[in-house]
Amino acid sequence: MLNEDSKNLEMSAVSIKIPPFWTDRPEIWFYQVEAQFHISRISLEETKFHYLVSQLEPKYVENIWDIVNSKSDTKYTDSKNRLLSLFKESENLRIKRLNWN
């Protein structure tokens, strides 16, 4: 028989809903993902990492493949930082782009 903690973990794993990765505003996407982690009480770096990788399209996983294969204890944080650095548009660039439209 499952104890209460196991039931809660099982329910959390089923109830989390991560939207498709948003390359236009990855910082907003990560905010939404981390809100889902918070709601579901997911705090382990490894669990967050596995959710992240399971939801990313292969073309985005390619960008973090070295992290996937590493022995790091901070794979989620490392992957998040890498994806943000690759896709996050600088404020100046965003303003320039808006001025062009």
PDB file of N, CA and C in Angstrom:
ATOM      1  N   MET A   1       0.839  -1.181   0.000  1.00  0.00           N
ATOM      2  CA  MET A   1       0.000   0.000   0.000  1.00  0.00           C
ATOM      3  C   MET A   1       0.886   1.247   0.000  1.00  0.00           C
ATOM      4  N   LEU A   2       0.500   2.245  -0.791  1.00  0.00           N
ATOM      5  CA  LEU A   2       1.276   3.474  -0.898  1.00  0.00           C
ATOM      6  C   LEU A   2       1.074   4.360   0.311  1.00  0.00           C
ATOM      7  N   ASN A   3       2.156   4.939   0.810  1.00  0.00           N
ATOM      8  CA  ASN A   3       1.997   5.897   1.893  1.00  0.00           C
ATOM      9  C   ASN A   3       1.555   7.241   1.308  1.00  0.00           C
ATOM     10  N   GLU A   4       1.234   8.199   2.157  1.00  0.00           N
ATOM     11  CA  GLU A   4       0.685   9.491   1.711  1.00  0.00           C
ATOM     12  C   GLU A   4       1.663  10.256   0.823  1.00  0.00           C
ATOM     13  N   ASP A   5       2.963  10.233   1.163  1.00  0.00           N
ATOM     14  CA  ASP A   5       3.960  10.931   0.353  1.00  0.00           C
ATOM     15  C   ASP A   5       4.051  10.340  -1.047  1.00  0.00           C
ATOM     16  N   SER A   6       4.018   9.028  -1.148  1.00  0.00           N
ATOM     17  CA  SER A   6       4.074   8.380  -2.452  1.00  0.00           C
ATOM     18  C   SER A   6       2.865   8.737  -3.296  1.00  0.00           C
ATOM     19  N   LYS A   7       1.694   8.791  -2.680  1.00  0.00           N
ATOM     20  CA  LYS A   7       0.480   9.178  -3.403  1.00  0.00           C
ATOM     21  C   LYS A   7       0.603  10.605  -3.918  1.00  0.00           C
ATOM     22  N   ASN A   8       1.110  11.514  -3.083  1.00  0.00           N
ATOM     23  CA  ASN A   8       1.273  12.904  -3.496  1.00  0.00           C
ATOM     24  C   ASN A   8       2.257  13.033  -4.649  1.00  0.00           C
ATOM     25  N   LEU A   9       3.359  12.293  -4.583  1.00  0.00           N
ATOM     26  CA  LEU A   9       4.330  12.330  -5.663  1.00  0.00           C
ATOM     27  C   LEU A   9       3.735  11.799  -6.954  1.00  0.00           C
ATOM     28  N   GLU A  10       2.987  10.726  -6.851  1.00  0.00           N
ATOM     29  CA  GLU A  10       2.354  10.139  -8.017  1.00  0.00           C
ATOM     30  C   GLU A  10       1.360  11.114  -8.630  1.00  0.00           C
ATOM     31  N   MET A  11       0.553  11.765  -7.817  1.00  0.00           N
ATOM     32  CA  MET A  11      -0.420  12.731  -8.308  1.00  0.00           C
ATOM     33  C   MET A  11       0.288  13.917  -8.955  1.00  0.00           C
ATOM     34  N   SER A  12       1.385  14.371  -8.381  1.00  0.00           N
ATOM     35  CA  SER A  12       2.134  15.487  -8.947  1.00  0.00           C
ATOM     36  C   SER A  12       2.667  15.140 -10.323  1.00  0.00           C
ATOM     37  N   ALA A  13       3.192  13.935 -10.452  1.00  0.00           N
ATOM     38  CA  ALA A  13       3.749  13.524 -11.729  1.00  0.00           C
ATOM     39  C   ALA A  13       2.686  13.492 -12.810  1.00  0.00           C
ATOM     40  N   VAL A  14       1.483  13.164 -12.464  1.00  0.00           N
ATOM     41  CA  VAL A  14       0.401  13.086 -13.433  1.00  0.00           C
ATOM     42  C   VAL A  14      -0.168  14.466 -13.745  1.00  0.00           C
ATOM     43  N   SER A  15      -0.177  15.364 -12.764  1.00  0.00           N
ATOM     44  CA  SER A  15      -0.895  16.619 -12.929  1.00  0.00           C
ATOM     45  C   SER A  15      -0.084  17.754 -13.552  1.00  0.00           C
ATOM     46  N   ILE A  16       1.225  17.620 -13.660  1.00  0.00           N
ATOM     47  CA  ILE A  16       2.023  18.717 -14.203  1.00  0.00           C
ATOM     48  C   ILE A  16       1.795  18.860 -15.709  1.00  0.00           C
ATOM     49  N   LYS A  17       1.634  20.108 -16.124  1.00  0.00           N
ATOM     50  CA  LYS A  17       1.382  20.387 -17.540  1.00  0.00           C
ATOM     51  C   LYS A  17       2.353  21.468 -17.996  1.00  0.00           C
ATOM     52  N   ILE A  18       3.302  21.069 -18.827  1.00  0.00           N
ATOM     53  CA  ILE A  18       4.310  21.999 -19.320  1.00  0.00           C
ATOM     54  C   ILE A  18       3.968  22.362 -20.762  1.00  0.00           C
ATOM     55  N   PRO A  19       3.877  23.669 -21.048  1.00  0.00           N
ATOM     56  CA  PRO A  19       3.572  24.087 -22.421  1.00  0.00           C
ATOM     57  C   PRO A  19       4.772  23.852 -23.340  1.00  0.00           C
ATOM     58  N   PRO A  20       4.566  23.858 -24.653  1.00  0.00           N
ATOM     59  CA  PRO A  20       5.695  23.733 -25.585  1.00  0.00           C
ATOM     60  C   PRO A  20       6.699  24.874 -25.378  1.00  0.00           C
ATOM     61  N   PHE A  21       7.972  24.575 -25.601  1.00  0.00           N
ATOM     62  CA  PHE A  21       9.028  25.570 -25.409  1.00  0.00           C
ATOM     63  C   PHE A  21       8.791  26.772 -26.309  1.00  0.00           C
ATOM     64  N   TRP A  22       8.919  27.947 -25.724  1.00  0.00           N
ATOM     65  CA  TRP A  22       8.643  29.198 -26.419  1.00  0.00           C
ATOM     66  C   TRP A  22       9.964  29.924 -26.649  1.00  0.00           C
ATOM     67  N   THR A  23      10.512  29.804 -27.859  1.00  0.00           N
ATOM     68  CA  THR A  23      11.818  30.400 -28.146  1.00  0.00           C
ATOM     69  C   THR A  23      11.771  31.923 -28.183  1.00  0.00           C
ATOM     70  N   ASP A  24      10.617  32.502 -28.459  1.00  0.00           N
ATOM     71  CA  ASP A  24      10.508  33.964 -28.510  1.00  0.00           C
ATOM     72  C   ASP A  24      10.702  34.606 -27.143  1.00  0.00           C
ATOM     73  N   ARG A  25      10.246  33.959 -26.103  1.00  0.00           N
ATOM     74  CA  ARG A  25      10.363  34.503 -24.731  1.00  0.00           C
ATOM     75  C   ARG A  25      10.628  33.360 -23.753  1.00  0.00           C
ATOM     76  N   PRO A  26      11.805  32.761 -23.819  1.00  0.00           N
ATOM     77  CA  PRO A  26      12.092  31.603 -22.963  1.00  0.00           C
ATOM     78  C   PRO A  26      12.010  31.908 -21.472  1.00  0.00           C
ATOM     79  N   GLU A  27      12.261  33.165 -21.086  1.00  0.00           N
ATOM     80  CA  GLU A  27      12.185  33.505 -19.660  1.00  0.00           C
ATOM     81  C   GLU A  27      10.751  33.383 -19.148  1.00  0.00           C
ATOM     82  N   ILE A  28       9.778  33.709 -19.996  1.00  0.00           N
ATOM     83  CA  ILE A  28       8.367  33.538 -19.621  1.00  0.00           C
ATOM     84  C   ILE A  28       8.041  32.054 -19.555  1.00  0.00           C
ATOM     85  N   TRP A  29       8.538  31.285 -20.520  1.00  0.00           N
ATOM     86  CA  TRP A  29       8.288  29.841 -20.537  1.00  0.00           C
ATOM     87  C   TRP A  29       8.840  29.194 -19.265  1.00  0.00           C
ATOM     88  N   PHE A  30      10.066  29.543 -18.890  1.00  0.00           N
ATOM     89  CA  PHE A  30      10.642  28.968 -17.673  1.00  0.00           C
ATOM     90  C   PHE A  30       9.863  29.397 -16.434  1.00  0.00           C
ATOM     91  N   TYR A  31       9.349  30.599 -16.432  1.00  0.00           N
ATOM     92  CA  TYR A  31       8.524  31.042 -15.303  1.00  0.00           C
ATOM     93  C   TYR A  31       7.282  30.153 -15.186  1.00  0.00           C
ATOM     94  N   GLN A  32       6.646  29.851 -16.318  1.00  0.00           N
ATOM     95  CA  GLN A  32       5.464  28.979 -16.309  1.00  0.00           C
ATOM     96  C   GLN A  32       5.824  27.568 -15.854  1.00  0.00           C
ATOM     97  N   VAL A  33       6.929  27.058 -16.354  1.00  0.00           N
ATOM     98  CA  VAL A  33       7.374  25.713 -15.974  1.00  0.00           C
ATOM     99  C   VAL A  33       7.645  25.653 -14.473  1.00  0.00           C
ATOM    100  N   GLU A  34       8.335  26.647 -13.963  1.00  0.00           N
ATOM    101  CA  GLU A  34       8.668  26.645 -12.543  1.00  0.00           C
ATOM    102  C   GLU A  34       7.438  26.873 -11.672  1.00  0.00           C
ATOM    103  N   ALA A  35       6.445  27.553 -12.197  1.00  0.00           N
ATOM    104  CA  ALA A  35       5.172  27.671 -11.474  1.00  0.00           C
ATOM    105  C   ALA A  35       4.515  26.296 -11.370  1.00  0.00           C
ATOM    106  N   GLN A  36       4.572  25.514 -12.440  1.00  0.00           N
ATOM    107  CA  GLN A  36       4.028  24.155 -12.407  1.00  0.00           C
ATOM    108  C   GLN A  36       4.800  23.289 -11.408  1.00  0.00           C
ATOM    109  N   PHE A  37       6.114  23.431 -11.394  1.00  0.00           N
ATOM    110  CA  PHE A  37       6.912  22.689 -10.415  1.00  0.00           C
ATOM    111  C   PHE A  37       6.496  23.070  -8.997  1.00  0.00           C
ATOM    112  N   HIS A  38       6.314  24.343  -8.759  1.00  0.00           N
ATOM    113  CA  HIS A  38       5.932  24.819  -7.424  1.00  0.00           C
ATOM    114  C   HIS A  38       4.563  24.262  -7.019  1.00  0.00           C
ATOM    115  N   ILE A  39       3.598  24.369  -7.911  1.00  0.00           N
ATOM    116  CA  ILE A  39       2.246  23.865  -7.633  1.00  0.00           C
ATOM    117  C   ILE A  39       2.284  22.371  -7.322  1.00  0.00           C
ATOM    118  N   SER A  40       3.113  21.650  -8.067  1.00  0.00           N
ATOM    119  CA  SER A  40       3.199  20.193  -7.910  1.00  0.00           C
ATOM    120  C   SER A  40       4.207  19.765  -6.851  1.00  0.00           C
ATOM    121  N   ARG A  41       4.802  20.741  -6.184  1.00  0.00           N
ATOM    122  CA  ARG A  41       5.794  20.483  -5.132  1.00  0.00           C
ATOM    123  C   ARG A  41       6.990  19.670  -5.632  1.00  0.00           C
ATOM    124  N   ILE A  42       7.417  19.985  -6.835  1.00  0.00           N
ATOM    125  CA  ILE A  42       8.599  19.341  -7.405  1.00  0.00           C
ATOM    126  C   ILE A  42       9.777  20.260  -7.141  1.00  0.00           C
ATOM    127  N   SER A  43      10.720  19.773  -6.365  1.00  0.00           N
ATOM    128  CA  SER A  43      11.857  20.621  -6.003  1.00  0.00           C
ATOM    129  C   SER A  43      13.210  19.987  -6.319  1.00  0.00           C
ATOM    130  N   LEU A  44      13.229  18.717  -6.605  1.00  0.00           N
ATOM    131  CA  LEU A  44      14.497  18.049  -6.896  1.00  0.00           C
ATOM    132  C   LEU A  44      15.015  18.445  -8.274  1.00  0.00           C
ATOM    133  N   GLU A  45      16.261  18.829  -8.329  1.00  0.00           N
ATOM    134  CA  GLU A  45      16.917  19.240  -9.575  1.00  0.00           C
ATOM    135  C   GLU A  45      16.789  18.153 -10.645  1.00  0.00           C
ATOM    136  N   GLU A  46      17.008  16.909 -10.261  1.00  0.00           N
ATOM    137  CA  GLU A  46      16.959  15.800 -11.214  1.00  0.00           C
ATOM    138  C   GLU A  46      15.556  15.622 -11.794  1.00  0.00           C
ATOM    139  N   THR A  47      14.532  15.730 -10.972  1.00  0.00           N
ATOM    140  CA  THR A  47      13.149  15.599 -11.442  1.00  0.00           C
ATOM    141  C   THR A  47      12.808  16.729 -12.401  1.00  0.00           C
ATOM    142  N   LYS A  48      13.188  17.945 -12.048  1.00  0.00           N
ATOM    143  CA  LYS A  48      12.949  19.093 -12.933  1.00  0.00           C
ATOM    144  C   LYS A  48      13.638  18.877 -14.279  1.00  0.00           C
ATOM    145  N   PHE A  49      14.872  18.390 -14.227  1.00  0.00           N
ATOM    146  CA  PHE A  49      15.630  18.141 -15.454  1.00  0.00           C
ATOM    147  C   PHE A  49      14.914  17.134 -16.347  1.00  0.00           C
ATOM    148  N   HIS A  50      14.431  16.050 -15.762  1.00  0.00           N
ATOM    149  CA  HIS A  50      13.760  15.027 -16.562  1.00  0.00           C
ATOM    150  C   HIS A  50      12.463  15.551 -17.177  1.00  0.00           C
ATOM    151  N   TYR A  51      11.721  16.352 -16.433  1.00  0.00           N
ATOM    152  CA  TYR A  51      10.540  16.989 -17.012  1.00  0.00           C
ATOM    153  C   TYR A  51      10.935  17.900 -18.169  1.00  0.00           C
ATOM    154  N   LEU A  52      11.977  18.681 -17.969  1.00  0.00           N
ATOM    155  CA  LEU A  52      12.433  19.601 -19.007  1.00  0.00           C
ATOM    156  C   LEU A  52      12.775  18.852 -20.289  1.00  0.00           C
ATOM    157  N   VAL A  53      13.625  17.850 -20.179  1.00  0.00           N
ATOM    158  CA  VAL A  53      14.061  17.102 -21.356  1.00  0.00           C
ATOM    159  C   VAL A  53      12.891  16.380 -22.020  1.00  0.00           C
ATOM    160  N   SER A  54      11.971  15.876 -21.225  1.00  0.00           N
ATOM    161  CA  SER A  54      10.835  15.144 -21.800  1.00  0.00           C
ATOM    162  C   SER A  54       9.891  16.056 -22.576  1.00  0.00           C
ATOM    163  N   GLN A  55       9.915  17.348 -22.289  1.00  0.00           N
ATOM    164  CA  GLN A  55       9.001  18.279 -22.948  1.00  0.00           C
ATOM    165  C   GLN A  55       9.631  19.042 -24.109  1.00  0.00           C
ATOM    166  N   LEU A  56      10.933  19.046 -24.200  1.00  0.00           N
ATOM    167  CA  LEU A  56      11.598  19.784 -25.271  1.00  0.00           C
ATOM    168  C   LEU A  56      11.614  18.988 -26.564  1.00  0.00           C
ATOM    169  N   GLU A  57      11.432  19.690 -27.672  1.00  0.00           N
ATOM    170  CA  GLU A  57      11.579  19.053 -28.977  1.00  0.00           C
ATOM    171  C   GLU A  57      13.055  18.693 -29.162  1.00  0.00           C
ATOM    172  N   PRO A  58      13.328  17.647 -29.943  1.00  0.00           N
ATOM    173  CA  PRO A  58      14.720  17.224 -30.135  1.00  0.00           C
ATOM    174  C   PRO A  58      15.655  18.342 -30.601  1.00  0.00           C
ATOM    175  N   LYS A  59      15.165  19.252 -31.427  1.00  0.00           N
ATOM    176  CA  LYS A  59      16.037  20.328 -31.916  1.00  0.00           C
ATOM    177  C   LYS A  59      16.524  21.225 -30.779  1.00  0.00           C
ATOM    178  N   TYR A  60      15.773  21.294 -29.673  1.00  0.00           N
ATOM    179  CA  TYR A  60      16.209  22.078 -28.516  1.00  0.00           C
ATOM    180  C   TYR A  60      17.064  21.239 -27.569  1.00  0.00           C
ATOM    181  N   VAL A  61      16.785  19.959 -27.498  1.00  0.00           N
ATOM    182  CA  VAL A  61      17.605  19.062 -26.670  1.00  0.00           C
ATOM    183  C   VAL A  61      19.033  19.017 -27.215  1.00  0.00           C
ATOM    184  N   GLU A  62      19.166  19.137 -28.531  1.00  0.00           N
ATOM    185  CA  GLU A  62      20.503  19.177 -29.134  1.00  0.00           C
ATOM    186  C   GLU A  62      21.383  20.256 -28.510  1.00  0.00           C
ATOM    187  N   ASN A  63      20.767  21.379 -28.156  1.00  0.00           N
ATOM    188  CA  ASN A  63      21.509  22.503 -27.586  1.00  0.00           C
ATOM    189  C   ASN A  63      22.029  22.230 -26.175  1.00  0.00           C
ATOM    190  N   ILE A  64      21.477  21.226 -25.534  1.00  0.00           N
ATOM    191  CA  ILE A  64      21.903  20.899 -24.166  1.00  0.00           C
ATOM    192  C   ILE A  64      22.434  19.465 -24.067  1.00  0.00           C
ATOM    193  N   TRP A  65      22.737  18.857 -25.202  1.00  0.00           N
ATOM    194  CA  TRP A  65      23.117  17.449 -25.219  1.00  0.00           C
ATOM    195  C   TRP A  65      24.342  17.158 -24.353  1.00  0.00           C
ATOM    196  N   ASP A  66      25.291  18.074 -24.331  1.00  0.00           N
ATOM    197  CA  ASP A  66      26.466  17.867 -23.480  1.00  0.00           C
ATOM    198  C   ASP A  66      26.080  17.863 -22.002  1.00  0.00           C
ATOM    199  N   ILE A  67      25.080  18.649 -21.644  1.00  0.00           N
ATOM    200  CA  ILE A  67      24.588  18.679 -20.258  1.00  0.00           C
ATOM    201  C   ILE A  67      23.835  17.388 -19.944  1.00  0.00           C
ATOM    202  N   VAL A  68      23.039  16.930 -20.900  1.00  0.00           N
ATOM    203  CA  VAL A  68      22.297  15.672 -20.729  1.00  0.00           C
ATOM    204  C   VAL A  68      23.268  14.542 -20.402  1.00  0.00           C
ATOM    205  N   ASN A  69      24.392  14.513 -21.081  1.00  0.00           N
ATOM    206  CA  ASN A  69      25.374  13.437 -20.904  1.00  0.00           C
ATOM    207  C   ASN A  69      26.381  13.685 -19.789  1.00  0.00           C
ATOM    208  N   SER A  70      26.265  14.797 -19.113  1.00  0.00           N
ATOM    209  CA  SER A  70      27.221  15.116 -18.045  1.00  0.00           C
ATOM    210  C   SER A  70      26.837  14.427 -16.732  1.00  0.00           C
ATOM    211  N   LYS A  71      27.738  14.506 -15.785  1.00  0.00           N
ATOM    212  CA  LYS A  71      27.478  13.946 -14.452  1.00  0.00           C
ATOM    213  C   LYS A  71      27.139  15.044 -13.453  1.00  0.00           C
ATOM    214  N   SER A  72      26.759  16.194 -13.960  1.00  0.00           N
ATOM    215  CA  SER A  72      26.449  17.348 -13.114  1.00  0.00           C
ATOM    216  C   SER A  72      25.253  17.067 -12.205  1.00  0.00           C
ATOM    217  N   ASP A  73      25.286  17.643 -11.023  1.00  0.00           N
ATOM    218  CA  ASP A  73      24.147  17.562 -10.105  1.00  0.00           C
ATOM    219  C   ASP A  73      23.169  18.711 -10.334  1.00  0.00           C
ATOM    220  N   THR A  74      23.501  19.592 -11.269  1.00  0.00           N
ATOM    221  CA  THR A  74      22.662  20.771 -11.536  1.00  0.00           C
ATOM    222  C   THR A  74      22.244  20.820 -13.007  1.00  0.00           C
ATOM    223  N   LYS A  75      21.847  19.687 -13.541  1.00  0.00           N
ATOM    224  CA  LYS A  75      21.500  19.617 -14.961  1.00  0.00           C
ATOM    225  C   LYS A  75      20.323  20.519 -15.333  1.00  0.00           C
ATOM    226  N   TYR A  76      19.321  20.624 -14.467  1.00  0.00           N
ATOM    227  CA  TYR A  76      18.187  21.498 -14.779  1.00  0.00           C
ATOM    228  C   TYR A  76      18.649  22.947 -14.849  1.00  0.00           C
ATOM    229  N   THR A  77      19.362  23.393 -13.839  1.00  0.00           N
ATOM    230  CA  THR A  77      19.844  24.773 -13.799  1.00  0.00           C
ATOM    231  C   THR A  77      20.790  25.052 -14.962  1.00  0.00           C
ATOM    232  N   ASP A  78      21.679  24.125 -15.247  1.00  0.00           N
ATOM    233  CA  ASP A  78      22.614  24.292 -16.365  1.00  0.00           C
ATOM    234  C   ASP A  78      21.863  24.377 -17.692  1.00  0.00           C
ATOM    235  N   SER A  79      20.878  23.513 -17.871  1.00  0.00           N
ATOM    236  CA  SER A  79      20.090  23.512 -19.108  1.00  0.00           C
ATOM    237  C   SER A  79      19.280  24.792 -19.241  1.00  0.00           C
ATOM    238  N   LYS A  80      18.687  25.204 -18.154  1.00  0.00           N
ATOM    239  CA  LYS A  80      17.911  26.452 -18.156  1.00  0.00           C
ATOM    240  C   LYS A  80      18.807  27.624 -18.550  1.00  0.00           C
ATOM    241  N   ASN A  81      19.956  27.725 -17.920  1.00  0.00           N
ATOM    242  CA  ASN A  81      20.878  28.821 -18.230  1.00  0.00           C
ATOM    243  C   ASN A  81      21.328  28.791 -19.686  1.00  0.00           C
ATOM    244  N   ARG A  82      21.606  27.605 -20.199  1.00  0.00           N
ATOM    245  CA  ARG A  82      22.033  27.484 -21.595  1.00  0.00           C
ATOM    246  C   ARG A  82      20.917  27.918 -22.537  1.00  0.00           C
ATOM    247  N   LEU A  83      19.715  27.411 -22.319  1.00  0.00           N
ATOM    248  CA  LEU A  83      18.598  27.757 -23.207  1.00  0.00           C
ATOM    249  C   LEU A  83      18.271  29.245 -23.133  1.00  0.00           C
ATOM    250  N   LEU A  84      18.332  29.801 -21.948  1.00  0.00           N
ATOM    251  CA  LEU A  84      18.096  31.243 -21.822  1.00  0.00           C
ATOM    252  C   LEU A  84      19.171  32.038 -22.557  1.00  0.00           C
ATOM    253  N   SER A  85      20.414  31.623 -22.437  1.00  0.00           N
ATOM    254  CA  SER A  85      21.486  32.370 -23.107  1.00  0.00           C
ATOM    255  C   SER A  85      21.382  32.257 -24.626  1.00  0.00           C
ATOM    256  N   LEU A  86      20.880  31.129 -25.108  1.00  0.00           N
ATOM    257  CA  LEU A  86      20.748  30.950 -26.554  1.00  0.00           C
ATOM    258  C   LEU A  86      19.543  31.680 -27.140  1.00  0.00           C
ATOM    259  N   PHE A  87      18.442  31.700 -26.408  1.00  0.00           N
ATOM    260  CA  PHE A  87      17.198  32.191 -26.993  1.00  0.00           C
ATOM    261  C   PHE A  87      16.679  33.501 -26.423  1.00  0.00           C
ATOM    262  N   LYS A  88      17.179  33.909 -25.288  1.00  0.00           N
ATOM    263  CA  LYS A  88      16.675  35.145 -24.693  1.00  0.00           C
ATOM    264  C   LYS A  88      17.217  36.346 -25.460  1.00  0.00           C
ATOM    265  N   GLU A  89      16.316  37.142 -25.891  1.00  0.00           N
ATOM    266  CA  GLU A  89      16.666  38.328 -26.657  1.00  0.00           C
ATOM    267  C   GLU A  89      17.020  39.459 -25.695  1.00  0.00           C
ATOM    268  N   SER A  90      18.056  40.173 -26.007  1.00  0.00           N
ATOM    269  CA  SER A  90      18.415  41.298 -25.148  1.00  0.00           C
ATOM    270  C   SER A  90      17.331  42.367 -25.235  1.00  0.00           C
ATOM    271  N   GLU A  91      17.222  43.145 -24.196  1.00  0.00           N
ATOM    272  CA  GLU A  91      16.213  44.212 -24.157  1.00  0.00           C
ATOM    273  C   GLU A  91      16.431  45.200 -25.304  1.00  0.00           C
ATOM    274  N   ASN A  92      17.678  45.540 -25.596  1.00  0.00           N
ATOM    275  CA  ASN A  92      17.967  46.467 -26.697  1.00  0.00           C
ATOM    276  C   ASN A  92      17.538  45.896 -28.039  1.00  0.00           C
ATOM    277  N   LEU A  93      17.824  44.626 -28.258  1.00  0.00           N
ATOM    278  CA  LEU A  93      17.436  43.986 -29.511  1.00  0.00           C
ATOM    279  C   LEU A  93      15.917  43.924 -29.637  1.00  0.00           C
ATOM    280  N   ARG A  94      15.229  43.646 -28.539  1.00  0.00           N
ATOM    281  CA  ARG A  94      13.768  43.596 -28.552  1.00  0.00           C
ATOM    282  C   ARG A  94      13.183  44.969 -28.910  1.00  0.00           C
ATOM    283  N   ILE A  95      13.748  46.023 -28.352  1.00  0.00           N
ATOM    284  CA  ILE A  95      13.276  47.381 -28.655  1.00  0.00           C
ATOM    285  C   ILE A  95      13.526  47.712 -30.124  1.00  0.00           C
ATOM    286  N   LYS A  96      14.699  47.358 -30.626  1.00  0.00           N
ATOM    287  CA  LYS A  96      14.996  47.598 -32.044  1.00  0.00           C
ATOM    288  C   LYS A  96      14.012  46.852 -32.939  1.00  0.00           C
ATOM    289  N   ARG A  97      13.743  45.595 -32.586  1.00  0.00           N
ATOM    290  CA  ARG A  97      12.814  44.794 -33.391  1.00  0.00           C
ATOM    291  C   ARG A  97      11.421  45.404 -33.365  1.00  0.00           C
ATOM    292  N   LEU A  98      10.984  45.869 -32.216  1.00  0.00           N
ATOM    293  CA  LEU A  98       9.667  46.502 -32.108  1.00  0.00           C
ATOM    294  C   LEU A  98       9.605  47.794 -32.910  1.00  0.00           C
ATOM    295  N   ASN A  99      10.686  48.525 -32.945  1.00  0.00           N
ATOM    296  CA  ASN A  99      10.726  49.769 -33.714  1.00  0.00           C
ATOM    297  C   ASN A  99      10.693  49.525 -35.216  1.00  0.00           C
ATOM    298  N   TRP A 100      11.156  48.369 -35.643  1.00  0.00           N
ATOM    299  CA  TRP A 100      11.135  48.032 -37.067  1.00  0.00           C
ATOM    300  C   TRP A 100       9.742  47.661 -37.539  1.00  0.00           C
ATOM    301  N   ASN A 101       8.892  47.213 -36.644  1.00  0.00           N
ATOM    302  CA  ASN A 101       7.539  46.764 -37.037  1.00  0.00           C
ATOM    303  C   ASN A 101       6.583  47.883 -37.161  1.00  0.00           C
TER     304      ASN A 101
END
